[in-house]
Amino acid sequence: MPAKIQKLSIEPRIRFNCGRRIAFGPGKADLLAQIERTGSISEAAKVMDMSYMRAWTIVKSLDRGYVEPLVVKIRGGNARGGATLSETGRRVLGIYREMELSSRASFQENAVQLRQLLKP
């Protein structure tokens, strides 16, 4: 009985740097997407199994690194506050997601060639 051939998946992880610091990468993209989905930095952190302090630190670093803040924060109090992406934040996340899709598509031909060289 021949061995079952495993499906090959290629997952490019794009990071772009500004000097020595990572300006944006997969973790920051996922955090922004969760903030947009949940409407909360705290809830986004919970979904990602990340501390609120770590999420807040990432958001602050993103806000410092771009011409405009990527996250709009609404103060708490009785109304419970919240957060959402700014227009710039949506643009950065959208551009990043397009880069991921483009890179996956460009790897497909190479993936076929690589698959042929792997053991089943």
PDB file of N, CA and C in Angstrom:
ATOM      1  N   MET A   1       0.849  -1.172   0.000  1.00  0.00           N
ATOM      2  CA  MET A   1       0.000   0.000   0.000  1.00  0.00           C
ATOM      3  C   MET A   1       0.901   1.243   0.000  1.00  0.00           C
ATOM      4  N   PRO A   2       0.729   2.121  -0.992  1.00  0.00           N
ATOM      5  CA  PRO A   2       1.579   3.311  -1.052  1.00  0.00           C
ATOM      6  C   PRO A   2       1.271   4.276   0.095  1.00  0.00           C
ATOM      7  N   ALA A   3       2.317   4.995   0.487  1.00  0.00           N
ATOM      8  CA  ALA A   3       2.158   5.976   1.564  1.00  0.00           C
ATOM      9  C   ALA A   3       1.254   7.121   1.104  1.00  0.00           C
ATOM     10  N   LYS A   4       0.487   7.607   2.034  1.00  0.00           N
ATOM     11  CA  LYS A   4      -0.421   8.716   1.738  1.00  0.00           C
ATOM     12  C   LYS A   4       0.400  10.004   1.541  1.00  0.00           C
ATOM     13  N   ILE A   5       0.105  10.716   0.479  1.00  0.00           N
ATOM     14  CA  ILE A   5       0.803  11.961   0.201  1.00  0.00           C
ATOM     15  C   ILE A   5       0.163  13.076   1.022  1.00  0.00           C
ATOM     16  N   GLN A   6       0.987  13.728   1.805  1.00  0.00           N
ATOM     17  CA  GLN A   6       0.530  14.845   2.643  1.00  0.00           C
ATOM     18  C   GLN A   6       0.346  16.096   1.785  1.00  0.00           C
ATOM     19  N   LYS A   7      -0.631  16.892   2.128  1.00  0.00           N
ATOM     20  CA  LYS A   7      -0.837  18.160   1.440  1.00  0.00           C
ATOM     21  C   LYS A   7       0.249  19.137   1.877  1.00  0.00           C
ATOM     22  N   LEU A   8       0.855  19.794   0.916  1.00  0.00           N
ATOM     23  CA  LEU A   8       1.894  20.775   1.201  1.00  0.00           C
ATOM     24  C   LEU A   8       1.248  22.145   1.337  1.00  0.00           C
ATOM     25  N   SER A   9       1.571  22.821   2.410  1.00  0.00           N
ATOM     26  CA  SER A   9       1.085  24.196   2.542  1.00  0.00           C
ATOM     27  C   SER A   9       2.282  25.113   2.760  1.00  0.00           C
ATOM     28  N   ILE A  10       2.246  26.236   2.111  1.00  0.00           N
ATOM     29  CA  ILE A  10       3.299  27.239   2.250  1.00  0.00           C
ATOM     30  C   ILE A  10       2.654  28.469   2.845  1.00  0.00           C
ATOM     31  N   GLU A  11       3.225  28.934   3.929  1.00  0.00           N
ATOM     32  CA  GLU A  11       2.679  30.088   4.625  1.00  0.00           C
ATOM     33  C   GLU A  11       3.745  31.165   4.764  1.00  0.00           C
ATOM     34  N   PRO A  12       3.840  32.034   3.784  1.00  0.00           N
ATOM     35  CA  PRO A  12       4.850  33.096   3.887  1.00  0.00           C
ATOM     36  C   PRO A  12       4.514  34.037   5.046  1.00  0.00           C
ATOM     37  N   ARG A  13       5.530  34.431   5.769  1.00  0.00           N
ATOM     38  CA  ARG A  13       5.359  35.346   6.898  1.00  0.00           C
ATOM     39  C   ARG A  13       6.093  36.631   6.538  1.00  0.00           C
ATOM     40  N   ILE A  14       5.356  37.628   6.170  1.00  0.00           N
ATOM     41  CA  ILE A  14       5.935  38.888   5.724  1.00  0.00           C
ATOM     42  C   ILE A  14       6.133  39.812   6.915  1.00  0.00           C
ATOM     43  N   ARG A  15       7.313  40.380   6.999  1.00  0.00           N
ATOM     44  CA  ARG A  15       7.609  41.400   8.003  1.00  0.00           C
ATOM     45  C   ARG A  15       8.294  42.536   7.284  1.00  0.00           C
ATOM     46  N   PHE A  16       7.876  43.728   7.568  1.00  0.00           N
ATOM     47  CA  PHE A  16       8.662  44.834   7.044  1.00  0.00           C
ATOM     48  C   PHE A  16       9.196  45.658   8.189  1.00  0.00           C
ATOM     49  N   ASN A  17      10.444  46.053   8.007  1.00  0.00           N
ATOM     50  CA  ASN A  17      11.195  46.707   9.072  1.00  0.00           C
ATOM     51  C   ASN A  17      11.450  48.163   8.734  1.00  0.00           C
ATOM     52  N   CYS A  18      11.568  48.929   9.774  1.00  0.00           N
ATOM     53  CA  CYS A  18      11.968  50.332   9.656  1.00  0.00           C
ATOM     54  C   CYS A  18      13.208  50.458  10.540  1.00  0.00           C
ATOM     55  N   GLY A  19      14.371  50.450   9.927  1.00  0.00           N
ATOM     56  CA  GLY A  19      15.593  50.386  10.715  1.00  0.00           C
ATOM     57  C   GLY A  19      15.694  49.009  11.345  1.00  0.00           C
ATOM     58  N   ARG A  20      15.917  48.972  12.641  1.00  0.00           N
ATOM     59  CA  ARG A  20      16.063  47.693  13.337  1.00  0.00           C
ATOM     60  C   ARG A  20      14.768  47.209  13.977  1.00  0.00           C
ATOM     61  N   ARG A  21      13.702  47.983  13.901  1.00  0.00           N
ATOM     62  CA  ARG A  21      12.460  47.543  14.528  1.00  0.00           C
ATOM     63  C   ARG A  21      11.494  47.028  13.464  1.00  0.00           C
ATOM     64  N   ILE A  22      10.689  46.061  13.869  1.00  0.00           N
ATOM     65  CA  ILE A  22       9.676  45.520  12.961  1.00  0.00           C
ATOM     66  C   ILE A  22       8.523  46.512  12.943  1.00  0.00           C
ATOM     67  N   ALA A  23       8.290  47.098  11.786  1.00  0.00           N
ATOM     68  CA  ALA A  23       7.213  48.074  11.648  1.00  0.00           C
ATOM     69  C   ALA A  23       5.860  47.380  11.528  1.00  0.00           C
ATOM     70  N   PHE A  24       5.863  46.186  10.960  1.00  0.00           N
ATOM     71  CA  PHE A  24       4.605  45.453  10.812  1.00  0.00           C
ATOM     72  C   PHE A  24       4.914  44.017  10.439  1.00  0.00           C
ATOM     73  N   GLY A  25       4.097  43.113  10.951  1.00  0.00           N
ATOM     74  CA  GLY A  25       4.270  41.700  10.665  1.00  0.00           C
ATOM     75  C   GLY A  25       2.997  40.951  10.972  1.00  0.00           C
ATOM     76  N   PRO A  26       3.054  39.630  10.936  1.00  0.00           N
ATOM     77  CA  PRO A  26       1.836  38.825  11.092  1.00  0.00           C
ATOM     78  C   PRO A  26       1.151  38.997  12.443  1.00  0.00           C
ATOM     79  N   GLY A  27       1.900  39.095  13.513  1.00  0.00           N
ATOM     80  CA  GLY A  27       1.284  39.256  14.830  1.00  0.00           C
ATOM     81  C   GLY A  27       0.569  40.581  14.975  1.00  0.00           C
ATOM     82  N   LYS A  28       1.191  41.642  14.489  1.00  0.00           N
ATOM     83  CA  LYS A  28       0.566  42.966  14.561  1.00  0.00           C
ATOM     84  C   LYS A  28      -0.669  43.015  13.663  1.00  0.00           C
ATOM     85  N   ALA A  29      -0.576  42.371  12.508  1.00  0.00           N
ATOM     86  CA  ALA A  29      -1.741  42.325  11.614  1.00  0.00           C
ATOM     87  C   ALA A  29      -2.896  41.588  12.281  1.00  0.00           C
ATOM     88  N   ASP A  30      -2.585  40.458  12.912  1.00  0.00           N
ATOM     89  CA  ASP A  30      -3.640  39.691  13.587  1.00  0.00           C
ATOM     90  C   ASP A  30      -4.251  40.488  14.739  1.00  0.00           C
ATOM     91  N   LEU A  31      -3.416  41.213  15.484  1.00  0.00           N
ATOM     92  CA  LEU A  31      -3.943  42.028  16.588  1.00  0.00           C
ATOM     93  C   LEU A  31      -4.874  43.116  16.052  1.00  0.00           C
ATOM     94  N   LEU A  32      -4.468  43.814  14.990  1.00  0.00           N
ATOM     95  CA  LEU A  32      -5.349  44.842  14.412  1.00  0.00           C
ATOM     96  C   LEU A  32      -6.665  44.230  13.929  1.00  0.00           C
ATOM     97  N   ALA A  33      -6.579  43.079  13.293  1.00  0.00           N
ATOM     98  CA  ALA A  33      -7.803  42.427  12.802  1.00  0.00           C
ATOM     99  C   ALA A  33      -8.732  42.077  13.964  1.00  0.00           C
ATOM    100  N   GLN A  34      -8.179  41.617  15.075  1.00  0.00           N
ATOM    101  CA  GLN A  34      -9.007  41.276  16.236  1.00  0.00           C
ATOM    102  C   GLN A  34      -9.586  42.524  16.900  1.00  0.00           C
ATOM    103  N   ILE A  35      -8.820  43.603  16.935  1.00  0.00           N
ATOM    104  CA  ILE A  35      -9.355  44.857  17.481  1.00  0.00           C
ATOM    105  C   ILE A  35     -10.543  45.308  16.641  1.00  0.00           C
ATOM    106  N   GLU A  36     -10.394  45.225  15.342  1.00  0.00           N
ATOM    107  CA  GLU A  36     -11.492  45.625  14.454  1.00  0.00           C
ATOM    108  C   GLU A  36     -12.703  44.716  14.651  1.00  0.00           C
ATOM    109  N   ARG A  37     -12.458  43.422  14.804  1.00  0.00           N
ATOM    110  CA  ARG A  37     -13.547  42.458  14.953  1.00  0.00           C
ATOM    111  C   ARG A  37     -14.251  42.593  16.296  1.00  0.00           C
ATOM    112  N   THR A  38     -13.489  42.784  17.381  1.00  0.00           N
ATOM    113  CA  THR A  38     -14.078  42.790  18.717  1.00  0.00           C
ATOM    114  C   THR A  38     -14.450  44.174  19.214  1.00  0.00           C
ATOM    115  N   GLY A  39     -13.843  45.218  18.645  1.00  0.00           N
ATOM    116  CA  GLY A  39     -14.106  46.575  19.119  1.00  0.00           C
ATOM    117  C   GLY A  39     -13.427  46.883  20.439  1.00  0.00           C
ATOM    118  N   SER A  40     -12.378  46.112  20.764  1.00  0.00           N
ATOM    119  CA  SER A  40     -11.744  46.270  22.067  1.00  0.00           C
ATOM    120  C   SER A  40     -10.315  45.733  22.039  1.00  0.00           C
ATOM    121  N   ILE A  41      -9.381  46.501  22.595  1.00  0.00           N
ATOM    122  CA  ILE A  41      -8.007  46.010  22.722  1.00  0.00           C
ATOM    123  C   ILE A  41      -7.981  44.845  23.709  1.00  0.00           C
ATOM    124  N   SER A  42      -8.705  44.978  24.803  1.00  0.00           N
ATOM    125  CA  SER A  42      -8.754  43.944  25.823  1.00  0.00           C
ATOM    126  C   SER A  42      -9.317  42.629  25.272  1.00  0.00           C
ATOM    127  N   GLU A  43     -10.425  42.709  24.559  1.00  0.00           N
ATOM    128  CA  GLU A  43     -11.035  41.506  23.987  1.00  0.00           C
ATOM    129  C   GLU A  43     -10.130  40.900  22.919  1.00  0.00           C
ATOM    130  N   ALA A  44      -9.504  41.746  22.114  1.00  0.00           N
ATOM    131  CA  ALA A  44      -8.569  41.247  21.092  1.00  0.00           C
ATOM    132  C   ALA A  44      -7.434  40.483  21.751  1.00  0.00           C
ATOM    133  N   ALA A  45      -6.903  41.021  22.843  1.00  0.00           N
ATOM    134  CA  ALA A  45      -5.819  40.355  23.569  1.00  0.00           C
ATOM    135  C   ALA A  45      -6.282  38.997  24.092  1.00  0.00           C
ATOM    136  N   LYS A  46      -7.490  38.932  24.650  1.00  0.00           N
ATOM    137  CA  LYS A  46      -8.013  37.660  25.168  1.00  0.00           C
ATOM    138  C   LYS A  46      -8.125  36.617  24.066  1.00  0.00           C
ATOM    139  N   VAL A  47      -8.672  37.028  22.922  1.00  0.00           N
ATOM    140  CA  VAL A  47      -8.836  36.108  21.795  1.00  0.00           C
ATOM    141  C   VAL A  47      -7.486  35.551  21.356  1.00  0.00           C
ATOM    142  N   MET A  48      -6.461  36.388  21.428  1.00  0.00           N
ATOM    143  CA  MET A  48      -5.135  35.987  20.978  1.00  0.00           C
ATOM    144  C   MET A  48      -4.290  35.359  22.091  1.00  0.00           C
ATOM    145  N   ASP A  49      -4.883  35.183  23.272  1.00  0.00           N
ATOM    146  CA  ASP A  49      -4.164  34.640  24.422  1.00  0.00           C
ATOM    147  C   ASP A  49      -2.907  35.466  24.713  1.00  0.00           C
ATOM    148  N   MET A  50      -3.111  36.772  24.751  1.00  0.00           N
ATOM    149  CA  MET A  50      -2.047  37.744  24.959  1.00  0.00           C
ATOM    150  C   MET A  50      -2.451  38.620  26.139  1.00  0.00           C
ATOM    151  N   SER A  51      -1.489  39.097  26.892  1.00  0.00           N
ATOM    152  CA  SER A  51      -1.836  39.988  27.994  1.00  0.00           C
ATOM    153  C   SER A  51      -2.314  41.329  27.437  1.00  0.00           C
ATOM    154  N   TYR A  52      -3.179  41.967  28.200  1.00  0.00           N
ATOM    155  CA  TYR A  52      -3.649  43.291  27.796  1.00  0.00           C
ATOM    156  C   TYR A  52      -2.471  44.246  27.681  1.00  0.00           C
ATOM    157  N   MET A  53      -1.515  44.163  28.618  1.00  0.00           N
ATOM    158  CA  MET A  53      -0.360  45.063  28.593  1.00  0.00           C
ATOM    159  C   MET A  53       0.455  44.874  27.316  1.00  0.00           C
ATOM    160  N   ARG A  54       0.629  43.633  26.890  1.00  0.00           N
ATOM    161  CA  ARG A  54       1.374  43.372  25.643  1.00  0.00           C
ATOM    162  C   ARG A  54       0.622  43.964  24.455  1.00  0.00           C
ATOM    163  N   ALA A  55      -0.678  43.761  24.392  1.00  0.00           N
ATOM    164  CA  ALA A  55      -1.480  44.310  23.290  1.00  0.00           C
ATOM    165  C   ALA A  55      -1.405  45.837  23.294  1.00  0.00           C
ATOM    166  N   TRP A  56      -1.530  46.435  24.470  1.00  0.00           N
ATOM    167  CA  TRP A  56      -1.483  47.895  24.583  1.00  0.00           C
ATOM    168  C   TRP A  56      -0.124  48.420  24.141  1.00  0.00           C
ATOM    169  N   THR A  57       0.955  47.727  24.507  1.00  0.00           N
ATOM    170  CA  THR A  57       2.312  48.124  24.110  1.00  0.00           C
ATOM    171  C   THR A  57       2.462  48.068  22.595  1.00  0.00           C
ATOM    172  N   ILE A  58       1.931  47.031  21.975  1.00  0.00           N
ATOM    173  CA  ILE A  58       1.997  46.911  20.516  1.00  0.00           C
ATOM    174  C   ILE A  58       1.216  48.040  19.854  1.00  0.00           C
ATOM    175  N   VAL A  59       0.020  48.311  20.361  1.00  0.00           N
ATOM    176  CA  VAL A  59      -0.795  49.394  19.789  1.00  0.00           C
ATOM    177  C   VAL A  59      -0.061  50.726  19.902  1.00  0.00           C
ATOM    178  N   LYS A  60       0.532  50.998  21.061  1.00  0.00           N
ATOM    179  CA  LYS A  60       1.270  52.256  21.233  1.00  0.00           C
ATOM    180  C   LYS A  60       2.460  52.326  20.280  1.00  0.00           C
ATOM    181  N   SER A  61       3.162  51.215  20.079  1.00  0.00           N
ATOM    182  CA  SER A  61       4.308  51.231  19.159  1.00  0.00           C
ATOM    183  C   SER A  61       3.842  51.459  17.720  1.00  0.00           C
ATOM    184  N   LEU A  62       2.706  50.877  17.368  1.00  0.00           N
ATOM    185  CA  LEU A  62       2.156  51.118  16.030  1.00  0.00           C
ATOM    186  C   LEU A  62       1.772  52.585  15.860  1.00  0.00           C
ATOM    187  N   ASP A  63       1.129  53.136  16.879  1.00  0.00           N
ATOM    188  CA  ASP A  63       0.719  54.538  16.800  1.00  0.00           C
ATOM    189  C   ASP A  63       1.919  55.468  16.637  1.00  0.00           C
ATOM    190  N   ARG A  64       3.039  55.141  17.282  1.00  0.00           N
ATOM    191  CA  ARG A  64       4.251  55.962  17.157  1.00  0.00           C
ATOM    192  C   ARG A  64       4.924  55.794  15.810  1.00  0.00           C
ATOM    193  N   GLY A  65       4.734  54.661  15.166  1.00  0.00           N
ATOM    194  CA  GLY A  65       5.477  54.348  13.959  1.00  0.00           C
ATOM    195  C   GLY A  65       4.846  54.796  12.651  1.00  0.00           C
ATOM    196  N   TYR A  66       3.638  55.291  12.699  1.00  0.00           N
ATOM    197  CA  TYR A  66       2.938  55.676  11.474  1.00  0.00           C
ATOM    198  C   TYR A  66       2.535  57.143  11.542  1.00  0.00           C
ATOM    199  N   VAL A  67       2.257  57.715  10.373  1.00  0.00           N
ATOM    200  CA  VAL A  67       1.922  59.142  10.317  1.00  0.00           C
ATOM    201  C   VAL A  67       0.659  59.474  11.096  1.00  0.00           C
ATOM    202  N   GLU A  68      -0.226  58.515  11.229  1.00  0.00           N
ATOM    203  CA  GLU A  68      -1.440  58.678  12.026  1.00  0.00           C
ATOM    204  C   GLU A  68      -1.619  57.416  12.860  1.00  0.00           C
ATOM    205  N   PRO A  69      -2.281  57.517  14.009  1.00  0.00           N
ATOM    206  CA  PRO A  69      -2.541  56.312  14.804  1.00  0.00           C
ATOM    207  C   PRO A  69      -3.339  55.290  14.000  1.00  0.00           C
ATOM    208  N   LEU A  70      -3.016  54.014  14.200  1.00  0.00           N
ATOM    209  CA  LEU A  70      -3.738  52.949  13.507  1.00  0.00           C
ATOM    210  C   LEU A  70      -4.978  52.511  14.268  1.00  0.00           C
ATOM    211  N   VAL A  71      -4.999  52.799  15.563  1.00  0.00           N
ATOM    212  CA  VAL A  71      -6.118  52.394  16.416  1.00  0.00           C
ATOM    213  C   VAL A  71      -6.726  53.636  17.059  1.00  0.00           C
ATOM    214  N   VAL A  72      -8.039  53.763  16.950  1.00  0.00           N
ATOM    215  CA  VAL A  72      -8.779  54.839  17.615  1.00  0.00           C
ATOM    216  C   VAL A  72      -9.296  54.261  18.927  1.00  0.00           C
ATOM    217  N   LYS A  73      -8.881  54.882  20.016  1.00  0.00           N
ATOM    218  CA  LYS A  73      -9.261  54.407  21.338  1.00  0.00           C
ATOM    219  C   LYS A  73     -10.355  55.299  21.914  1.00  0.00           C
ATOM    220  N   ILE A  74     -11.364  54.662  22.485  1.00  0.00           N
ATOM    221  CA  ILE A  74     -12.470  55.379  23.119  1.00  0.00           C
ATOM    222  C   ILE A  74     -12.370  55.103  24.611  1.00  0.00           C
ATOM    223  N   ARG A  75     -12.209  56.151  25.400  1.00  0.00           N
ATOM    224  CA  ARG A  75     -12.008  55.980  26.844  1.00  0.00           C
ATOM    225  C   ARG A  75     -13.178  55.256  27.489  1.00  0.00           C
ATOM    226  N   GLY A  76     -12.865  54.540  28.549  1.00  0.00           N
ATOM    227  CA  GLY A  76     -13.838  53.702  29.249  1.00  0.00           C
ATOM    228  C   GLY A  76     -14.832  54.463  30.089  1.00  0.00           C
ATOM    229  N   GLY A  77     -14.876  54.141  31.351  1.00  0.00           N
ATOM    230  CA  GLY A  77     -15.880  54.725  32.232  1.00  0.00           C
ATOM    231  C   GLY A  77     -17.163  53.925  32.153  1.00  0.00           C
ATOM    232  N   ASN A  78     -18.282  54.594  32.396  1.00  0.00           N
ATOM    233  CA  ASN A  78     -19.581  53.906  32.387  1.00  0.00           C
ATOM    234  C   ASN A  78     -19.932  53.336  31.021  1.00  0.00           C
ATOM    235  N   ALA A  79     -19.453  53.981  29.965  1.00  0.00           N
ATOM    236  CA  ALA A  79     -19.771  53.536  28.608  1.00  0.00           C
ATOM    237  C   ALA A  79     -18.879  52.374  28.146  1.00  0.00           C
ATOM    238  N   ARG A  80     -17.936  51.947  28.969  1.00  0.00           N
ATOM    239  CA  ARG A  80     -17.026  50.832  28.705  1.00  0.00           C
ATOM    240  C   ARG A  80     -16.014  51.074  27.599  1.00  0.00           C
ATOM    241  N   GLY A  81     -15.994  52.184  26.945  1.00  0.00           N
ATOM    242  CA  GLY A  81     -14.957  52.480  25.964  1.00  0.00           C
ATOM    243  C   GLY A  81     -14.907  51.486  24.831  1.00  0.00           C
ATOM    244  N   GLY A  82     -13.759  51.402  24.205  1.00  0.00           N
ATOM    245  CA  GLY A  82     -13.584  50.478  23.100  1.00  0.00           C
ATOM    246  C   GLY A  82     -12.467  50.941  22.194  1.00  0.00           C
ATOM    247  N   ALA A  83     -12.328  50.288  21.079  1.00  0.00           N
ATOM    248  CA  ALA A  83     -11.292  50.628  20.110  1.00  0.00           C
ATOM    249  C   ALA A  83     -11.724  50.139  18.736  1.00  0.00           C
ATOM    250  N   THR A  84     -11.238  50.816  17.739  1.00  0.00           N
ATOM    251  CA  THR A  84     -11.472  50.425  16.361  1.00  0.00           C
ATOM    252  C   THR A  84     -10.275  50.881  15.545  1.00  0.00           C
ATOM    253  N   LEU A  85     -10.188  50.444  14.313  1.00  0.00           N
ATOM    254  CA  LEU A  85      -9.091  50.884  13.468  1.00  0.00           C
ATOM    255  C   LEU A  85      -9.427  52.230  12.843  1.00  0.00           C
ATOM    256  N   SER A  86      -8.414  53.053  12.743  1.00  0.00           N
ATOM    257  CA  SER A  86      -8.559  54.306  12.005  1.00  0.00           C
ATOM    258  C   SER A  86      -8.554  53.963  10.519  1.00  0.00           C
ATOM    259  N   GLU A  87      -8.835  54.942   9.699  1.00  0.00           N
ATOM    260  CA  GLU A  87      -8.773  54.716   8.250  1.00  0.00           C
ATOM    261  C   GLU A  87      -7.368  54.275   7.851  1.00  0.00           C
ATOM    262  N   THR A  88      -6.356  54.896   8.446  1.00  0.00           N
ATOM    263  CA  THR A  88      -4.970  54.500   8.167  1.00  0.00           C
ATOM    264  C   THR A  88      -4.728  53.066   8.621  1.00  0.00           C
ATOM    265  N   GLY A  89      -5.252  52.698   9.780  1.00  0.00           N
ATOM    266  CA  GLY A  89      -5.119  51.325  10.266  1.00  0.00           C
ATOM    267  C   GLY A  89      -5.742  50.321   9.319  1.00  0.00           C
ATOM    268  N   ARG A  90      -6.922  50.648   8.801  1.00  0.00           N
ATOM    269  CA  ARG A  90      -7.576  49.755   7.837  1.00  0.00           C
ATOM    270  C   ARG A  90      -6.754  49.637   6.555  1.00  0.00           C
ATOM    271  N   ARG A  91      -6.166  50.763   6.134  1.00  0.00           N
ATOM    272  CA  ARG A  91      -5.342  50.740   4.915  1.00  0.00           C
ATOM    273  C   ARG A  91      -4.096  49.885   5.117  1.00  0.00           C
ATOM    274  N   VAL A  92      -3.407  50.079   6.250  1.00  0.00           N
ATOM    275  CA  VAL A  92      -2.196  49.302   6.531  1.00  0.00           C
ATOM    276  C   VAL A  92      -2.532  47.809   6.576  1.00  0.00           C
ATOM    277  N   LEU A  93      -3.587  47.444   7.301  1.00  0.00           N
ATOM    278  CA  LEU A  93      -3.979  46.042   7.401  1.00  0.00           C
ATOM    279  C   LEU A  93      -4.378  45.492   6.033  1.00  0.00           C
ATOM    280  N   GLY A  94      -5.129  46.262   5.260  1.00  0.00           N
ATOM    281  CA  GLY A  94      -5.543  45.823   3.927  1.00  0.00           C
ATOM    282  C   GLY A  94      -4.359  45.608   2.994  1.00  0.00           C
ATOM    283  N   ILE A  95      -3.415  46.529   3.005  1.00  0.00           N
ATOM    284  CA  ILE A  95      -2.221  46.392   2.167  1.00  0.00           C
ATOM    285  C   ILE A  95      -1.442  45.148   2.582  1.00  0.00           C
ATOM    286  N   TYR A  96      -1.307  44.951   3.878  1.00  0.00           N
ATOM    287  CA  TYR A  96      -0.574  43.789   4.379  1.00  0.00           C
ATOM    288  C   TYR A  96      -1.252  42.486   3.944  1.00  0.00           C
ATOM    289  N   ARG A  97      -2.570  42.413   4.089  1.00  0.00           N
ATOM    290  CA  ARG A  97      -3.297  41.201   3.690  1.00  0.00           C
ATOM    291  C   ARG A  97      -3.166  40.961   2.182  1.00  0.00           C
ATOM    292  N   GLU A  98      -3.176  42.020   1.376  1.00  0.00           N
ATOM    293  CA  GLU A  98      -2.972  41.872  -0.069  1.00  0.00           C
ATOM    294  C   GLU A  98      -1.578  41.329  -0.362  1.00  0.00           C
ATOM    295  N   MET A  99      -0.578  41.793   0.386  1.00  0.00           N
ATOM    296  CA  MET A  99       0.781  41.286   0.219  1.00  0.00           C
ATOM    297  C   MET A  99       0.840  39.787   0.534  1.00  0.00           C
ATOM    298  N   GLU A 100       0.136  39.369   1.592  1.00  0.00           N
ATOM    299  CA  GLU A 100       0.108  37.945   1.932  1.00  0.00           C
ATOM    300  C   GLU A 100      -0.508  37.120   0.801  1.00  0.00           C
ATOM    301  N   LEU A 101      -1.638  37.588   0.275  1.00  0.00           N
ATOM    302  CA  LEU A 101      -2.299  36.852  -0.813  1.00  0.00           C
ATOM    303  C   LEU A 101      -1.421  36.780  -2.054  1.00  0.00           C
ATOM    304  N   SER A 102      -0.808  37.890  -2.392  1.00  0.00           N
ATOM    305  CA  SER A 102       0.065  37.925  -3.572  1.00  0.00           C
ATOM    306  C   SER A 102       1.241  36.983  -3.408  1.00  0.00           C
ATOM    307  N   SER A 103       1.826  36.962  -2.228  1.00  0.00           N
ATOM    308  CA  SER A 103       2.990  36.102  -2.023  1.00  0.00           C
ATOM    309  C   SER A 103       2.589  34.635  -2.074  1.00  0.00           C
ATOM    310  N   ARG A 104       1.436  34.278  -1.523  1.00  0.00           N
ATOM    311  CA  ARG A 104       0.975  32.884  -1.603  1.00  0.00           C
ATOM    312  C   ARG A 104       0.777  32.466  -3.054  1.00  0.00           C
ATOM    313  N   ALA A 105       0.166  33.336  -3.828  1.00  0.00           N
ATOM    314  CA  ALA A 105      -0.084  33.025  -5.238  1.00  0.00           C
ATOM    315  C   ALA A 105       1.232  32.846  -5.995  1.00  0.00           C
ATOM    316  N   SER A 106       2.215  33.671  -5.679  1.00  0.00           N
ATOM    317  CA  SER A 106       3.475  33.580  -6.409  1.00  0.00           C
ATOM    318  C   SER A 106       4.266  32.327  -6.040  1.00  0.00           C
ATOM    319  N   PHE A 107       3.976  31.726  -4.895  1.00  0.00           N
ATOM    320  CA  PHE A 107       4.681  30.526  -4.467  1.00  0.00           C
ATOM    321  C   PHE A 107       4.082  29.240  -5.032  1.00  0.00           C
ATOM    322  N   GLN A 108       2.910  29.286  -5.631  1.00  0.00           N
ATOM    323  CA  GLN A 108       2.221  28.062  -6.023  1.00  0.00           C
ATOM    324  C   GLN A 108       3.022  27.190  -6.986  1.00  0.00           C
ATOM    325  N   GLU A 109       3.624  27.784  -8.003  1.00  0.00           N
ATOM    326  CA  GLU A 109       4.408  27.002  -8.957  1.00  0.00           C
ATOM    327  C   GLU A 109       5.595  26.347  -8.259  1.00  0.00           C
ATOM    328  N   ASN A 110       6.265  27.104  -7.397  1.00  0.00           N
ATOM    329  CA  ASN A 110       7.388  26.547  -6.653  1.00  0.00           C
ATOM    330  C   ASN A 110       6.937  25.440  -5.709  1.00  0.00           C
ATOM    331  N   ALA A 111       5.746  25.590  -5.147  1.00  0.00           N
ATOM    332  CA  ALA A 111       5.226  24.581  -4.225  1.00  0.00           C
ATOM    333  C   ALA A 111       5.033  23.245  -4.939  1.00  0.00           C
ATOM    334  N   VAL A 112       4.564  23.285  -6.167  1.00  0.00           N
ATOM    335  CA  VAL A 112       4.381  22.058  -6.941  1.00  0.00           C
ATOM    336  C   VAL A 112       5.732  21.384  -7.151  1.00  0.00           C
ATOM    337  N   GLN A 113       6.737  22.163  -7.520  1.00  0.00           N
ATOM    338  CA  GLN A 113       8.068  21.609  -7.725  1.00  0.00           C
ATOM    339  C   GLN A 113       8.644  21.044  -6.423  1.00  0.00           C
ATOM    340  N   LEU A 114       8.455  21.747  -5.338  1.00  0.00           N
ATOM    341  CA  LEU A 114       8.969  21.296  -4.053  1.00  0.00           C
ATOM    342  C   LEU A 114       8.259  20.016  -3.609  1.00  0.00           C
ATOM    343  N   ARG A 115       6.957  19.958  -3.811  1.00  0.00           N
ATOM    344  CA  ARG A 115       6.174  18.783  -3.415  1.00  0.00           C
ATOM    345  C   ARG A 115       6.704  17.517  -4.091  1.00  0.00           C
ATOM    346  N   GLN A 116       7.137  17.657  -5.352  1.00  0.00           N
ATOM    347  CA  GLN A 116       7.642  16.506  -6.097  1.00  0.00           C
ATOM    348  C   GLN A 116       8.943  15.966  -5.504  1.00  0.00           C
ATOM    349  N   LEU A 117       9.634  16.775  -4.728  1.00  0.00           N
ATOM    350  CA  LEU A 117      10.910  16.367  -4.147  1.00  0.00           C
ATOM    351  C   LEU A 117      10.782  15.835  -2.718  1.00  0.00           C
ATOM    352  N   LEU A 118       9.603  15.955  -2.140  1.00  0.00           N
ATOM    353  CA  LEU A 118       9.374  15.470  -0.792  1.00  0.00           C
ATOM    354  C   LEU A 118       8.950  14.012  -0.788  1.00  0.00           C
ATOM    355  N   LYS A 119       9.298  13.308   0.265  1.00  0.00           N
ATOM    356  CA  LYS A 119       8.802  11.938   0.420  1.00  0.00           C
ATOM    357  C   LYS A 119       7.306  11.994   0.694  1.00  0.00           C
ATOM    358  N   PRO A 120       6.577  10.966   0.236  1.00  0.00           N
ATOM    359  CA  PRO A 120       5.134  10.947   0.529  1.00  0.00           C
ATOM    360  C   PRO A 120       4.872  10.749   2.007  1.00  0.00           C
TER     361      PRO A 120
END
